[in-house]
Amino acid sequence: AVTYAGTILPIIQDRCDGCHGPNNPQGGLDFSTWNDLNTVASDGRLAFAIQHQAGAEPMPPSGPSLSQCRIDQILTWVQDGAPNN
């Protein structure tokens, strides 16, 4: 089972906090809490960005992409409604 606390938050802390953490919320997005992450999950920006789809700013913008396993976990969470669980 993919959960926010057990699966998604550790990915975000490891790969996203450098740019989207409380100390440096680029794009005005602080993913250290569920609220901003839920916003971009719900409107589709998160899925587009992590999959590097056309029309989205690819995330991460530099360095290696997320592994397909991590992408699949995030997409599962998004498809489940991005719950705060």
N, C-alpha and C. Protein backbone atom coordinates (compact mmCIF):
# COMPACT_ATOMS: atom_id res chain seq x y z
N ALA A 1 0.84 -1.19 0.00
CA ALA A 1 0.00 0.00 0.00
C ALA A 1 0.88 1.24 0.00
N VAL A 2 0.49 2.20 -0.81
CA VAL A 2 1.21 3.47 -0.89
C VAL A 2 0.50 4.46 0.02
N THR A 3 1.23 5.00 0.98
CA THR A 3 0.67 6.00 1.88
C THR A 3 1.51 7.28 1.80
N TYR A 4 0.89 8.37 2.20
CA TYR A 4 1.62 9.63 2.22
C TYR A 4 2.78 9.55 3.21
N ALA A 5 2.49 9.18 4.45
CA ALA A 5 3.52 9.18 5.50
C ALA A 5 4.61 8.13 5.27
N GLY A 6 4.22 6.95 4.82
CA GLY A 6 5.18 5.86 4.70
C GLY A 6 5.92 5.78 3.39
N THR A 7 5.33 6.31 2.32
CA THR A 7 5.92 6.18 0.98
C THR A 7 6.26 7.53 0.37
N ILE A 8 5.28 8.40 0.28
CA ILE A 8 5.44 9.65 -0.47
C ILE A 8 6.32 10.66 0.26
N LEU A 9 6.05 10.89 1.53
CA LEU A 9 6.83 11.87 2.28
C LEU A 9 8.33 11.55 2.27
N PRO A 10 8.75 10.29 2.47
CA PRO A 10 10.19 10.02 2.38
C PRO A 10 10.79 10.33 1.00
N ILE A 11 10.05 10.09 -0.07
CA ILE A 11 10.54 10.43 -1.41
C ILE A 11 10.71 11.94 -1.52
N ILE A 12 9.70 12.66 -1.08
CA ILE A 12 9.71 14.13 -1.15
C ILE A 12 10.87 14.68 -0.31
N GLN A 13 11.05 14.16 0.88
CA GLN A 13 12.13 14.63 1.75
C GLN A 13 13.49 14.36 1.12
N ASP A 14 13.63 13.23 0.47
CA ASP A 14 14.91 12.85 -0.13
C ASP A 14 15.20 13.62 -1.42
N ARG A 15 14.19 13.79 -2.26
CA ARG A 15 14.43 14.31 -3.60
C ARG A 15 13.91 15.71 -3.88
N CYS A 16 13.03 16.25 -3.03
CA CYS A 16 12.38 17.51 -3.37
C CYS A 16 12.64 18.64 -2.38
N ASP A 17 12.99 18.30 -1.14
CA ASP A 17 13.13 19.32 -0.10
C ASP A 17 14.18 20.37 -0.41
N GLY A 18 15.18 20.04 -1.18
CA GLY A 18 16.22 21.02 -1.49
C GLY A 18 15.66 22.26 -2.17
N CYS A 19 14.65 22.07 -3.00
CA CYS A 19 14.04 23.19 -3.72
C CYS A 19 12.63 23.52 -3.23
N HIS A 20 11.94 22.54 -2.66
CA HIS A 20 10.56 22.74 -2.25
C HIS A 20 10.36 22.46 -0.77
N GLY A 21 11.38 22.77 0.01
CA GLY A 21 11.29 22.62 1.45
C GLY A 21 10.96 23.95 2.11
N PRO A 22 10.82 23.95 3.42
CA PRO A 22 10.41 25.17 4.12
C PRO A 22 11.43 26.29 4.04
N ASN A 23 12.69 25.96 3.85
CA ASN A 23 13.73 26.99 3.80
C ASN A 23 13.89 27.63 2.43
N ASN A 24 13.40 26.97 1.39
CA ASN A 24 13.61 27.46 0.03
C ASN A 24 12.47 27.01 -0.88
N PRO A 25 11.25 27.46 -0.63
CA PRO A 25 10.12 26.96 -1.41
C PRO A 25 10.03 27.57 -2.82
N GLN A 26 10.83 27.02 -3.73
CA GLN A 26 10.82 27.53 -5.10
C GLN A 26 9.44 27.36 -5.72
N GLY A 27 9.07 28.31 -6.53
CA GLY A 27 7.75 28.30 -7.13
C GLY A 27 6.64 28.50 -6.12
N GLY A 28 7.03 28.90 -4.90
CA GLY A 28 6.04 29.08 -3.85
C GLY A 28 5.47 27.78 -3.33
N LEU A 29 6.14 26.67 -3.62
CA LEU A 29 5.64 25.35 -3.23
C LEU A 29 6.51 24.74 -2.14
N ASP A 30 5.95 24.60 -0.97
CA ASP A 30 6.63 23.99 0.18
C ASP A 30 6.04 22.61 0.38
N PHE A 31 6.77 21.60 -0.04
CA PHE A 31 6.28 20.22 0.04
C PHE A 31 6.58 19.57 1.39
N SER A 32 7.02 20.35 2.36
CA SER A 32 7.28 19.77 3.67
C SER A 32 5.97 19.46 4.40
N THR A 33 4.88 19.97 3.88
CA THR A 33 3.57 19.63 4.42
C THR A 33 2.72 19.08 3.28
N TRP A 34 1.66 18.41 3.64
CA TRP A 34 0.79 17.77 2.66
C TRP A 34 0.04 18.79 1.80
N ASN A 35 -0.27 19.97 2.31
CA ASN A 35 -1.14 20.92 1.61
C ASN A 35 -0.67 21.29 0.21
N ASP A 36 0.55 21.79 0.08
CA ASP A 36 1.04 22.20 -1.24
C ASP A 36 1.21 21.00 -2.16
N LEU A 37 1.69 19.90 -1.62
CA LEU A 37 1.87 18.70 -2.44
C LEU A 37 0.52 18.20 -2.94
N ASN A 38 -0.48 18.24 -2.09
CA ASN A 38 -1.82 17.82 -2.50
C ASN A 38 -2.36 18.71 -3.61
N THR A 39 -2.07 19.99 -3.55
CA THR A 39 -2.52 20.91 -4.59
C THR A 39 -1.98 20.51 -5.96
N VAL A 40 -0.67 20.28 -6.04
CA VAL A 40 -0.08 19.93 -7.35
C VAL A 40 -0.39 18.48 -7.75
N ALA A 41 -0.69 17.63 -6.77
CA ALA A 41 -1.12 16.27 -7.10
C ALA A 41 -2.53 16.31 -7.68
N SER A 42 -3.39 17.09 -7.07
CA SER A 42 -4.79 17.15 -7.48
C SER A 42 -5.00 17.81 -8.83
N ASP A 43 -4.18 18.81 -9.15
CA ASP A 43 -4.38 19.50 -10.44
C ASP A 43 -3.58 18.89 -11.59
N GLY A 44 -2.82 17.82 -11.31
CA GLY A 44 -2.10 17.10 -12.37
C GLY A 44 -0.67 17.54 -12.58
N ARG A 45 -0.26 18.65 -11.99
CA ARG A 45 1.11 19.13 -12.21
C ARG A 45 2.17 18.17 -11.72
N LEU A 46 1.93 17.51 -10.60
CA LEU A 46 2.92 16.60 -10.04
C LEU A 46 3.17 15.43 -11.00
N ALA A 47 2.12 14.80 -11.45
CA ALA A 47 2.27 13.66 -12.36
C ALA A 47 2.98 14.07 -13.65
N PHE A 48 2.59 15.19 -14.23
CA PHE A 48 3.24 15.65 -15.46
C PHE A 48 4.71 15.94 -15.24
N ALA A 49 5.03 16.59 -14.13
CA ALA A 49 6.41 17.00 -13.87
C ALA A 49 7.33 15.82 -13.62
N ILE A 50 6.90 14.84 -12.83
CA ILE A 50 7.79 13.72 -12.51
C ILE A 50 7.94 12.76 -13.69
N GLN A 51 6.98 12.82 -14.63
CA GLN A 51 7.08 11.98 -15.83
C GLN A 51 7.73 12.71 -17.00
N HIS A 52 8.09 13.97 -16.76
CA HIS A 52 8.72 14.82 -17.78
C HIS A 52 7.86 14.90 -19.04
N GLN A 53 6.57 15.11 -18.84
CA GLN A 53 5.65 15.21 -19.97
C GLN A 53 5.69 16.59 -20.59
N ALA A 54 5.33 16.64 -21.88
CA ALA A 54 5.32 17.89 -22.62
C ALA A 54 4.41 18.90 -21.93
N GLY A 55 4.89 20.12 -21.86
CA GLY A 55 4.11 21.20 -21.26
C GLY A 55 4.35 21.37 -19.77
N ALA A 56 5.10 20.47 -19.17
CA ALA A 56 5.38 20.55 -17.73
C ALA A 56 6.86 20.82 -17.53
N GLU A 57 7.17 21.54 -16.46
CA GLU A 57 8.57 21.71 -16.11
C GLU A 57 9.03 20.40 -15.47
N PRO A 58 10.02 19.74 -16.07
CA PRO A 58 10.44 18.44 -15.54
C PRO A 58 11.02 18.54 -14.14
N MET A 59 10.64 17.61 -13.31
CA MET A 59 11.15 17.55 -11.94
C MET A 59 11.75 16.19 -11.69
N PRO A 60 12.90 16.14 -11.11
CA PRO A 60 13.73 17.29 -10.80
C PRO A 60 14.30 17.90 -12.07
N PRO A 61 14.57 19.22 -12.05
CA PRO A 61 15.06 19.89 -13.25
C PRO A 61 16.51 19.55 -13.59
N SER A 62 17.25 19.10 -12.61
CA SER A 62 18.64 18.69 -12.85
C SER A 62 18.91 17.43 -12.03
N GLY A 63 19.91 16.72 -12.41
CA GLY A 63 20.21 15.47 -11.73
C GLY A 63 19.34 14.36 -12.27
N PRO A 64 19.49 13.19 -11.70
CA PRO A 64 18.75 12.04 -12.23
C PRO A 64 17.25 12.14 -11.94
N SER A 65 16.48 11.60 -12.87
CA SER A 65 15.03 11.52 -12.66
C SER A 65 14.75 10.54 -11.54
N LEU A 66 13.53 10.59 -11.05
CA LEU A 66 13.10 9.57 -10.10
C LEU A 66 13.11 8.22 -10.79
N SER A 67 13.32 7.17 -10.04
CA SER A 67 13.25 5.83 -10.62
C SER A 67 11.80 5.55 -11.03
N GLN A 68 11.62 4.62 -11.95
CA GLN A 68 10.27 4.28 -12.38
C GLN A 68 9.45 3.76 -11.21
N CYS A 69 10.08 3.05 -10.30
CA CYS A 69 9.38 2.56 -9.12
C CYS A 69 8.83 3.73 -8.30
N ARG A 70 9.63 4.76 -8.07
CA ARG A 70 9.19 5.93 -7.30
C ARG A 70 8.09 6.69 -8.04
N ILE A 71 8.25 6.83 -9.36
CA ILE A 71 7.22 7.48 -10.15
C ILE A 71 5.91 6.72 -10.03
N ASP A 72 5.97 5.40 -10.15
CA ASP A 72 4.76 4.58 -10.05
C ASP A 72 4.11 4.72 -8.67
N GLN A 73 4.92 4.80 -7.62
CA GLN A 73 4.36 4.98 -6.28
C GLN A 73 3.63 6.32 -6.16
N ILE A 74 4.24 7.36 -6.67
CA ILE A 74 3.60 8.68 -6.62
C ILE A 74 2.32 8.68 -7.45
N LEU A 75 2.36 8.09 -8.63
CA LEU A 75 1.17 8.04 -9.48
C LEU A 75 0.04 7.25 -8.82
N THR A 76 0.39 6.17 -8.14
CA THR A 76 -0.62 5.40 -7.42
C THR A 76 -1.26 6.25 -6.34
N TRP A 77 -0.44 6.97 -5.60
CA TRP A 77 -0.96 7.86 -4.54
C TRP A 77 -1.87 8.93 -5.12
N VAL A 78 -1.45 9.53 -6.24
CA VAL A 78 -2.26 10.56 -6.90
C VAL A 78 -3.59 9.96 -7.36
N GLN A 79 -3.52 8.79 -7.99
CA GLN A 79 -4.74 8.14 -8.48
C GLN A 79 -5.69 7.76 -7.36
N ASP A 80 -5.13 7.53 -6.18
CA ASP A 80 -5.95 7.22 -5.00
C ASP A 80 -6.54 8.48 -4.35
N GLY A 81 -6.29 9.65 -4.95
CA GLY A 81 -6.83 10.90 -4.44
C GLY A 81 -5.86 11.68 -3.58
N ALA A 82 -4.58 11.29 -3.58
CA ALA A 82 -3.53 11.99 -2.80
C ALA A 82 -3.93 12.15 -1.34
N PRO A 83 -4.31 11.04 -0.68
CA PRO A 83 -4.78 11.17 0.70
C PRO A 83 -3.66 11.53 1.68
N ASN A 84 -4.05 12.16 2.77
CA ASN A 84 -3.10 12.51 3.84
C ASN A 84 -3.14 11.37 4.85
N ASN A 85 -2.54 10.25 4.45
CA ASN A 85 -2.57 9.04 5.28
C ASN A 85 -1.20 8.57 5.69
